[in-house]
Amino acid sequence: MLRPIGHLAVMTALTLLTQIGGLAWLISIPFRRRLLAFTLAYATLTAASVALAPRFGRVALNCFADGPVEVQSWIYCALNRNYVRPELRDLLVETAAELERRLPGTRTLVLDANFPFLNGFPLLPHLSHDDGKKADIALFYRDETGYLPGATRSPTGYFAFEEGPSDCPETWPSLRWDLGPLQPLWRDHDLDRARTAALLRLLSEDHRVGAIFIEPHLLRDLGVSHPVIRFQGCRAARHDDHIHLQLR
């Protein structure tokens, strides 16, 4: 009895984490060398997802791109979290290219986007990345030598918060984690205000953009304002470590 429950637990966890991992585990169960079988099944399903996702209205962001727009870490690609609608891919590529034209050497890094299949399937821990219309973008950073291309303060681009005043009360339940013990572990980079502000202005002026979420204190610091740039609310995750972008 415990073995089927264990397999079900693993399949559930892998499905929530990667969407297709649960199926890969199911395929691997009859094999004696289960981990090897799982790895091969998962790799095959991941490759197949790239080909099949367009039938579901989504495309994979290029995980091997070396240009104005890149996926920040291989982990997002390995977990199948790099899928968007074609319109969002075009928006990201065009905006990154224009930003690089204005500020040469700029590399725009995409974090979590969406899974390859099925509208409404949650991309945890995000509340809304479930339809191919959303993507998170890393902030830009610099040090005393200047802009740091492709750099983030944390390994994943998340959870390295730019501290500032907030009107949010400490309520529960909430995804508004402060993660105080982690903050001293991150790289000591400064926010590149010029590039971050330029990206926000480019995105907010594009008719394809429906909303941009970022913390109000960052907007005040950057001197940016536009109706599509909004506060995500006190019960959602903090957005002073990344920018949330979504299509209309």
C-alpha atoms as a PDB file:
ATOM      1  CA  MET A   1       0.000   0.000   0.000  1.00  0.00           C
ATOM      2  CA  LEU A   2       2.800   2.396   0.882  1.00  0.00           C
ATOM      3  CA  ARG A   3       4.578   1.932  -2.450  1.00  0.00           C
ATOM      4  CA  PRO A   4       1.629   3.135  -4.610  1.00  0.00           C
ATOM      5  CA  ILE A   5       1.147   6.086  -2.255  1.00  0.00           C
ATOM      6  CA  GLY A   6       4.846   6.911  -2.554  1.00  0.00           C
ATOM      7  CA  HIS A   7       4.719   6.793  -6.333  1.00  0.00           C
ATOM      8  CA  LEU A   8       1.605   8.982  -6.325  1.00  0.00           C
ATOM      9  CA  ALA A   9       3.327  11.519  -4.073  1.00  0.00           C
ATOM     10  CA  VAL A  10       6.387  11.653  -6.342  1.00  0.00           C
ATOM     11  CA  MET A  11       4.225  11.970  -9.459  1.00  0.00           C
ATOM     12  CA  THR A  12       2.205  14.787  -7.890  1.00  0.00           C
ATOM     13  CA  ALA A  13       5.308  16.694  -6.816  1.00  0.00           C
ATOM     14  CA  LEU A  14       6.981  16.315 -10.210  1.00  0.00           C
ATOM     15  CA  THR A  15       3.800  17.344 -12.024  1.00  0.00           C
ATOM     16  CA  LEU A  16       3.445  20.494  -9.932  1.00  0.00           C
ATOM     17  CA  LEU A  17       7.125  21.331 -10.401  1.00  0.00           C
ATOM     18  CA  THR A  18       7.556  20.580 -14.110  1.00  0.00           C
ATOM     19  CA  GLN A  19       4.103  19.662 -15.532  1.00  0.00           C
ATOM     20  CA  ILE A  20       5.474  16.612 -17.417  1.00  0.00           C
ATOM     21  CA  GLY A  21       7.643  15.074 -14.686  1.00  0.00           C
ATOM     22  CA  GLY A  22       4.815  13.029 -13.219  1.00  0.00           C
ATOM     23  CA  LEU A  23       4.226  11.310 -16.552  1.00  0.00           C
ATOM     24  CA  ALA A  24       7.952  10.596 -16.878  1.00  0.00           C
ATOM     25  CA  TRP A  25       7.943   8.988 -13.423  1.00  0.00           C
ATOM     26  CA  LEU A  26       4.911   6.884 -14.335  1.00  0.00           C
ATOM     27  CA  ILE A  27       6.757   5.631 -17.425  1.00  0.00           C
ATOM     28  CA  SER A  28       9.814   4.746 -15.316  1.00  0.00           C
ATOM     29  CA  ILE A  29       8.004   2.691 -12.638  1.00  0.00           C
ATOM     30  CA  PRO A  30       8.260  -0.742 -14.380  1.00  0.00           C
ATOM     31  CA  PHE A  31      12.026  -0.414 -14.925  1.00  0.00           C
ATOM     32  CA  ARG A  32      14.617  -1.744 -12.468  1.00  0.00           C
ATOM     33  CA  ARG A  33      16.948   1.189 -13.166  1.00  0.00           C
ATOM     34  CA  ARG A  34      14.207   3.627 -12.436  1.00  0.00           C
ATOM     35  CA  LEU A  35      16.227   6.827 -12.144  1.00  0.00           C
ATOM     36  CA  LEU A  36      17.887   6.203 -15.496  1.00  0.00           C
ATOM     37  CA  ALA A  37      14.529   5.398 -17.071  1.00  0.00           C
ATOM     38  CA  PHE A  38      13.026   8.536 -15.532  1.00  0.00           C
ATOM     39  CA  THR A  39      15.878  10.700 -16.823  1.00  0.00           C
ATOM     40  CA  LEU A  40      15.518   9.329 -20.357  1.00  0.00           C
ATOM     41  CA  ALA A  41      11.721   9.625 -20.294  1.00  0.00           C
ATOM     42  CA  TYR A  42      11.868  13.157 -18.918  1.00  0.00           C
ATOM     43  CA  ALA A  43      14.436  14.265 -21.506  1.00  0.00           C
ATOM     44  CA  THR A  44      12.327  12.760 -24.305  1.00  0.00           C
ATOM     45  CA  LEU A  45       9.133  14.413 -23.058  1.00  0.00           C
ATOM     46  CA  THR A  46      10.923  17.737 -22.652  1.00  0.00           C
ATOM     47  CA  ALA A  47      12.159  17.613 -26.240  1.00  0.00           C
ATOM     48  CA  ALA A  48       8.699  16.599 -27.431  1.00  0.00           C
ATOM     49  CA  SER A  49       7.165  19.519 -25.524  1.00  0.00           C
ATOM     50  CA  VAL A  50       9.144  22.007 -27.598  1.00  0.00           C
ATOM     51  CA  ALA A  51       7.591  20.549 -30.757  1.00  0.00           C
ATOM     52  CA  LEU A  52       4.064  20.101 -29.366  1.00  0.00           C
ATOM     53  CA  ALA A  53       3.640  23.343 -27.401  1.00  0.00           C
ATOM     54  CA  PRO A  54       2.803  25.477 -30.499  1.00  0.00           C
ATOM     55  CA  ARG A  55      -0.344  23.376 -30.939  1.00  0.00           C
ATOM     56  CA  PHE A  56      -1.369  24.697 -27.527  1.00  0.00           C
ATOM     57  CA  GLY A  57      -0.530  28.274 -28.458  1.00  0.00           C
ATOM     58  CA  ARG A  58       2.866  28.439 -26.744  1.00  0.00           C
ATOM     59  CA  VAL A  59       6.499  28.477 -27.770  1.00  0.00           C
ATOM     60  CA  ALA A  60       9.693  27.861 -25.841  1.00  0.00           C
ATOM     61  CA  LEU A  61      12.025  30.746 -25.187  1.00  0.00           C
ATOM     62  CA  ASN A  62      15.458  29.839 -26.524  1.00  0.00           C
ATOM     63  CA  CYS A  63      17.509  28.411 -23.667  1.00  0.00           C
ATOM     64  CA  PHE A  64      20.742  28.674 -25.623  1.00  0.00           C
ATOM     65  CA  ALA A  65      20.359  32.238 -26.877  1.00  0.00           C
ATOM     66  CA  ASP A  66      23.329  34.541 -26.449  1.00  0.00           C
ATOM     67  CA  GLY A  67      21.875  37.920 -27.234  1.00  0.00           C
ATOM     68  CA  PRO A  68      19.693  40.757 -25.966  1.00  0.00           C
ATOM     69  CA  VAL A  69      17.121  38.405 -24.358  1.00  0.00           C
ATOM     70  CA  GLU A  70      18.086  35.221 -22.517  1.00  0.00           C
ATOM     71  CA  VAL A  71      16.614  32.763 -20.045  1.00  0.00           C
ATOM     72  CA  GLN A  72      18.426  33.576 -16.791  1.00  0.00           C
ATOM     73  CA  SER A  73      19.213  30.002 -15.749  1.00  0.00           C
ATOM     74  CA  TRP A  74      19.197  26.553 -17.305  1.00  0.00           C
ATOM     75  CA  ILE A  75      17.005  25.435 -14.416  1.00  0.00           C
ATOM     76  CA  TYR A  76      13.964  27.244 -15.867  1.00  0.00           C
ATOM     77  CA  CYS A  77      14.409  25.350 -19.113  1.00  0.00           C
ATOM     78  CA  ALA A  78      15.053  22.029 -17.357  1.00  0.00           C
ATOM     79  CA  LEU A  79      11.804  22.491 -15.426  1.00  0.00           C
ATOM     80  CA  ASN A  80       9.828  23.483 -18.552  1.00  0.00           C
ATOM     81  CA  ARG A  81       9.021  26.925 -17.162  1.00  0.00           C
ATOM     82  CA  ASN A  82      10.211  28.852 -20.240  1.00  0.00           C
ATOM     83  CA  TYR A  83       7.065  28.795 -22.406  1.00  0.00           C
ATOM     84  CA  VAL A  84       5.076  31.827 -23.580  1.00  0.00           C
ATOM     85  CA  ARG A  85       2.613  32.764 -26.273  1.00  0.00           C
ATOM     86  CA  PRO A  86       4.262  33.794 -29.553  1.00  0.00           C
ATOM     87  CA  GLU A  87       3.089  37.383 -29.022  1.00  0.00           C
ATOM     88  CA  LEU A  88       4.906  37.543 -25.683  1.00  0.00           C
ATOM     89  CA  ARG A  89       8.061  36.032 -27.168  1.00  0.00           C
ATOM     90  CA  ASP A  90       8.018  38.694 -29.894  1.00  0.00           C
ATOM     91  CA  LEU A  91       7.458  41.428 -27.320  1.00  0.00           C
ATOM     92  CA  LEU A  92      10.381  40.239 -25.213  1.00  0.00           C
ATOM     93  CA  VAL A  93      12.738  39.886 -28.172  1.00  0.00           C
ATOM     94  CA  GLU A  94      11.824  43.239 -29.698  1.00  0.00           C
ATOM     95  CA  THR A  95      11.987  45.120 -26.394  1.00  0.00           C
ATOM     96  CA  ALA A  96      15.330  43.577 -25.467  1.00  0.00           C
ATOM     97  CA  ALA A  97      16.745  44.438 -28.889  1.00  0.00           C
ATOM     98  CA  GLU A  98      15.582  48.049 -28.608  1.00  0.00           C
ATOM     99  CA  LEU A  99      16.977  48.349 -25.087  1.00  0.00           C
ATOM    100  CA  GLU A 100      20.315  46.977 -26.284  1.00  0.00           C
ATOM    101  CA  ARG A 101      20.292  49.482 -29.150  1.00  0.00           C
ATOM    102  CA  ARG A 102      19.757  52.363 -26.734  1.00  0.00           C
ATOM    103  CA  LEU A 103      22.097  51.025 -24.049  1.00  0.00           C
ATOM    104  CA  PRO A 104      24.681  48.810 -25.829  1.00  0.00           C
ATOM    105  CA  GLY A 105      25.651  45.605 -24.099  1.00  0.00           C
ATOM    106  CA  THR A 106      22.370  45.245 -22.217  1.00  0.00           C
ATOM    107  CA  ARG A 107      21.171  41.666 -21.721  1.00  0.00           C
ATOM    108  CA  THR A 108      17.560  41.160 -20.659  1.00  0.00           C
ATOM    109  CA  LEU A 109      17.063  38.058 -18.511  1.00  0.00           C
ATOM    110  CA  VAL A 110      13.761  36.158 -18.333  1.00  0.00           C
ATOM    111  CA  LEU A 111      12.953  34.158 -15.191  1.00  0.00           C
ATOM    112  CA  ASP A 112       9.786  32.065 -14.730  1.00  0.00           C
ATOM    113  CA  ALA A 113       7.344  32.181 -17.641  1.00  0.00           C
ATOM    114  CA  ASN A 114       4.777  29.353 -18.107  1.00  0.00           C
ATOM    115  CA  PHE A 115       4.486  25.597 -18.642  1.00  0.00           C
ATOM    116  CA  PRO A 116       4.052  24.285 -22.206  1.00  0.00           C
ATOM    117  CA  PHE A 117       0.457  23.033 -21.975  1.00  0.00           C
ATOM    118  CA  LEU A 118      -3.056  23.716 -20.657  1.00  0.00           C
ATOM    119  CA  ASN A 119      -4.428  27.105 -19.668  1.00  0.00           C
ATOM    120  CA  GLY A 120      -5.238  27.216 -15.979  1.00  0.00           C
ATOM    121  CA  PHE A 121      -2.463  24.804 -14.964  1.00  0.00           C
ATOM    122  CA  PRO A 122      -0.644  26.587 -12.099  1.00  0.00           C
ATOM    123  CA  LEU A 123       3.055  27.426 -12.227  1.00  0.00           C
ATOM    124  CA  LEU A 124       3.673  27.389  -8.490  1.00  0.00           C
ATOM    125  CA  PRO A 125       4.357  29.502  -6.500  1.00  0.00           C
ATOM    126  CA  HIS A 126       3.015  32.121  -8.933  1.00  0.00           C
ATOM    127  CA  LEU A 127      -0.652  33.035  -8.791  1.00  0.00           C
ATOM    128  CA  SER A 128      -1.172  33.900 -12.455  1.00  0.00           C
ATOM    129  CA  HIS A 129       1.450  32.246 -14.698  1.00  0.00           C
ATOM    130  CA  ASP A 130      -1.058  29.811 -16.192  1.00  0.00           C
ATOM    131  CA  ASP A 131      -1.968  30.979 -19.705  1.00  0.00           C
ATOM    132  CA  GLY A 132       1.259  31.748 -21.561  1.00  0.00           C
ATOM    133  CA  LYS A 133       0.707  35.508 -21.248  1.00  0.00           C
ATOM    134  CA  LYS A 134       3.027  36.140 -18.294  1.00  0.00           C
ATOM    135  CA  ALA A 135       6.771  36.261 -17.741  1.00  0.00           C
ATOM    136  CA  ASP A 136       9.079  37.576 -15.042  1.00  0.00           C
ATOM    137  CA  ILE A 137      12.114  39.674 -15.944  1.00  0.00           C
ATOM    138  CA  ALA A 138      15.194  40.091 -13.772  1.00  0.00           C
ATOM    139  CA  LEU A 139      16.317  43.491 -12.575  1.00  0.00           C
ATOM    140  CA  PHE A 140      19.552  44.952 -13.937  1.00  0.00           C
ATOM    141  CA  TYR A 141      22.606  45.368 -11.721  1.00  0.00           C
ATOM    142  CA  ARG A 142      25.921  47.201 -11.584  1.00  0.00           C
ATOM    143  CA  ASP A 143      28.948  47.591  -9.311  1.00  0.00           C
ATOM    144  CA  GLU A 144      31.671  50.202  -8.978  1.00  0.00           C
ATOM    145  CA  THR A 145      32.965  49.291 -12.456  1.00  0.00           C
ATOM    146  CA  GLY A 146      29.595  49.810 -14.153  1.00  0.00           C
ATOM    147  CA  TYR A 147      26.843  47.628 -15.629  1.00  0.00           C
ATOM    148  CA  LEU A 148      27.146  43.867 -15.066  1.00  0.00           C
ATOM    149  CA  PRO A 149      25.764  42.067 -18.160  1.00  0.00           C
ATOM    150  CA  GLY A 150      23.799  38.951 -17.294  1.00  0.00           C
ATOM    151  CA  ALA A 151      24.287  39.350 -13.547  1.00  0.00           C
ATOM    152  CA  THR A 152      21.706  38.785 -10.832  1.00  0.00           C
ATOM    153  CA  ARG A 153      22.164  39.065  -7.093  1.00  0.00           C
ATOM    154  CA  SER A 154      20.742  35.591  -6.368  1.00  0.00           C
ATOM    155  CA  PRO A 155      21.362  32.413  -8.378  1.00  0.00           C
ATOM    156  CA  THR A 156      17.750  32.305  -9.619  1.00  0.00           C
ATOM    157  CA  GLY A 157      17.150  36.045  -9.989  1.00  0.00           C
ATOM    158  CA  TYR A 158      14.478  35.897  -7.258  1.00  0.00           C
ATOM    159  CA  PHE A 159      14.370  36.753  -3.561  1.00  0.00           C
ATOM    160  CA  ALA A 160      17.180  39.364  -3.542  1.00  0.00           C
ATOM    161  CA  PHE A 161      14.929  42.233  -2.524  1.00  0.00           C
ATOM    162  CA  GLU A 162      15.584  45.931  -3.053  1.00  0.00           C
ATOM    163  CA  GLU A 163      14.465  47.115   0.355  1.00  0.00           C
ATOM    164  CA  GLY A 164      12.157  50.078   0.647  1.00  0.00           C
ATOM    165  CA  PRO A 165       9.089  51.365   2.490  1.00  0.00           C
ATOM    166  CA  SER A 166       5.874  49.364   2.244  1.00  0.00           C
ATOM    167  CA  ASP A 167       2.319  49.985   3.448  1.00  0.00           C
ATOM    168  CA  CYS A 168       1.519  46.263   3.565  1.00  0.00           C
ATOM    169  CA  PRO A 169       0.529  44.878   6.985  1.00  0.00           C
ATOM    170  CA  GLU A 170       1.889  41.571   8.187  1.00  0.00           C
ATOM    171  CA  THR A 171      -1.098  39.362   7.421  1.00  0.00           C
ATOM    172  CA  TRP A 172      -1.611  35.652   6.805  1.00  0.00           C
ATOM    173  CA  PRO A 173      -2.115  33.908   4.464  1.00  0.00           C
ATOM    174  CA  SER A 174       0.276  35.761   2.192  1.00  0.00           C
ATOM    175  CA  LEU A 175       3.013  35.020  -0.326  1.00  0.00           C
ATOM    176  CA  ARG A 176       4.792  38.226   0.605  1.00  0.00           C
ATOM    177  CA  TRP A 177       7.935  36.566   1.944  1.00  0.00           C
ATOM    178  CA  ASP A 178      10.758  38.734   3.283  1.00  0.00           C
ATOM    179  CA  LEU A 179      13.255  35.853   3.582  1.00  0.00           C
ATOM    180  CA  GLY A 180      15.445  37.918   5.877  1.00  0.00           C
ATOM    181  CA  PRO A 181      18.003  35.159   6.645  1.00  0.00           C
ATOM    182  CA  LEU A 182      18.801  34.820   2.925  1.00  0.00           C
ATOM    183  CA  GLN A 183      19.471  38.468   2.179  1.00  0.00           C
ATOM    184  CA  PRO A 184      23.093  38.585   3.500  1.00  0.00           C
ATOM    185  CA  LEU A 185      23.946  35.613   1.245  1.00  0.00           C
ATOM    186  CA  TRP A 186      23.292  37.416  -2.034  1.00  0.00           C
ATOM    187  CA  ARG A 187      25.821  39.291  -4.140  1.00  0.00           C
ATOM    188  CA  ASP A 188      26.410  42.898  -3.169  1.00  0.00           C
ATOM    189  CA  HIS A 189      25.372  44.474  -6.476  1.00  0.00           C
ATOM    190  CA  ASP A 190      23.586  47.784  -6.898  1.00  0.00           C
ATOM    191  CA  LEU A 191      20.438  48.234  -8.932  1.00  0.00           C
ATOM    192  CA  ASP A 192      21.164  49.618 -12.408  1.00  0.00           C
ATOM    193  CA  ARG A 193      18.506  52.301 -12.301  1.00  0.00           C
ATOM    194  CA  ALA A 194      19.037  53.599 -15.835  1.00  0.00           C
ATOM    195  CA  ARG A 195      18.491  50.212 -17.496  1.00  0.00           C
ATOM    196  CA  THR A 196      15.650  49.142 -15.213  1.00  0.00           C
ATOM    197  CA  ALA A 197      13.819  52.445 -15.772  1.00  0.00           C
ATOM    198  CA  ALA A 198      14.417  52.267 -19.520  1.00  0.00           C
ATOM    199  CA  LEU A 199      12.983  48.747 -19.678  1.00  0.00           C
ATOM    200  CA  LEU A 200       9.879  49.782 -17.737  1.00  0.00           C
ATOM    201  CA  ARG A 201       9.299  52.747 -20.037  1.00  0.00           C
ATOM    202  CA  LEU A 202       9.698  50.662 -23.185  1.00  0.00           C
ATOM    203  CA  LEU A 203       7.297  47.995 -21.949  1.00  0.00           C
ATOM    204  CA  SER A 204       4.696  50.420 -20.620  1.00  0.00           C
ATOM    205  CA  GLU A 205       4.551  52.243 -23.955  1.00  0.00           C
ATOM    206  CA  ASP A 206       3.901  49.034 -25.937  1.00  0.00           C
ATOM    207  CA  HIS A 207       0.248  48.463 -26.849  1.00  0.00           C
ATOM    208  CA  ARG A 208       0.618  44.700 -26.331  1.00  0.00           C
ATOM    209  CA  VAL A 209       1.310  45.067 -22.610  1.00  0.00           C
ATOM    210  CA  GLY A 210      -1.637  44.622 -20.274  1.00  0.00           C
ATOM    211  CA  ALA A 211       0.066  45.013 -16.899  1.00  0.00           C
ATOM    212  CA  ILE A 212       3.453  45.338 -15.235  1.00  0.00           C
ATOM    213  CA  PHE A 213       3.813  44.572 -11.523  1.00  0.00           C
ATOM    214  CA  ILE A 214       6.564  46.125  -9.427  1.00  0.00           C
ATOM    215  CA  GLU A 215       6.798  47.525  -5.909  1.00  0.00           C
ATOM    216  CA  PRO A 216       5.734  51.188  -5.545  1.00  0.00           C
ATOM    217  CA  HIS A 217       8.914  52.196  -3.726  1.00  0.00           C
ATOM    218  CA  LEU A 218      10.977  51.035  -6.710  1.00  0.00           C
ATOM    219  CA  LEU A 219       8.832  53.060  -9.104  1.00  0.00           C
ATOM    220  CA  ARG A 220       9.312  56.173  -6.992  1.00  0.00           C
ATOM    221  CA  ASP A 221      13.043  55.541  -6.864  1.00  0.00           C
ATOM    222  CA  LEU A 222      13.214  55.053 -10.644  1.00  0.00           C
ATOM    223  CA  GLY A 223      10.964  57.995 -11.483  1.00  0.00           C
ATOM    224  CA  VAL A 224       8.671  55.894 -13.688  1.00  0.00           C
ATOM    225  CA  SER A 225       4.899  56.135 -13.886  1.00  0.00           C
ATOM    226  CA  HIS A 226       2.309  54.695 -16.288  1.00  0.00           C
ATOM    227  CA  PRO A 227      -1.247  53.317 -15.949  1.00  0.00           C
ATOM    228  CA  VAL A 228      -0.189  49.759 -16.873  1.00  0.00           C
ATOM    229  CA  ILE A 229       2.450  49.699 -14.107  1.00  0.00           C
ATOM    230  CA  ARG A 230       0.702  48.565 -10.953  1.00  0.00           C
ATOM    231  CA  PHE A 231       1.163  47.259  -7.448  1.00  0.00           C
ATOM    232  CA  GLN A 232       0.429  43.522  -7.336  1.00  0.00           C
ATOM    233  CA  GLY A 233      -1.185  43.692  -3.900  1.00  0.00           C
ATOM    234  CA  CYS A 234      -0.122  42.843  -0.373  1.00  0.00           C
ATOM    235  CA  ARG A 235      -1.035  39.146  -0.504  1.00  0.00           C
ATOM    236  CA  ALA A 236       1.053  38.375  -3.600  1.00  0.00           C
ATOM    237  CA  ALA A 237       4.808  37.851  -3.661  1.00  0.00           C
ATOM    238  CA  ARG A 238       7.060  40.882  -3.405  1.00  0.00           C
ATOM    239  CA  HIS A 239       8.047  42.449  -6.710  1.00  0.00           C
ATOM    240  CA  ASP A 240      11.155  44.391  -5.751  1.00  0.00           C
ATOM    241  CA  ASP A 241      13.378  41.512  -6.881  1.00  0.00           C
ATOM    242  CA  HIS A 242      11.922  41.171 -10.402  1.00  0.00           C
ATOM    243  CA  ILE A 243       9.434  42.655 -12.865  1.00  0.00           C
ATOM    244  CA  HIS A 244       6.209  40.832 -13.736  1.00  0.00           C
ATOM    245  CA  LEU A 245       5.013  41.347 -17.308  1.00  0.00           C
ATOM    246  CA  GLN A 246       1.762  40.219 -18.893  1.00  0.00           C
ATOM    247  CA  LEU A 247       0.011  40.670 -22.216  1.00  0.00           C
ATOM    248  CA  ARG A 248      -3.393  42.254 -22.681  1.00  0.00           C
END
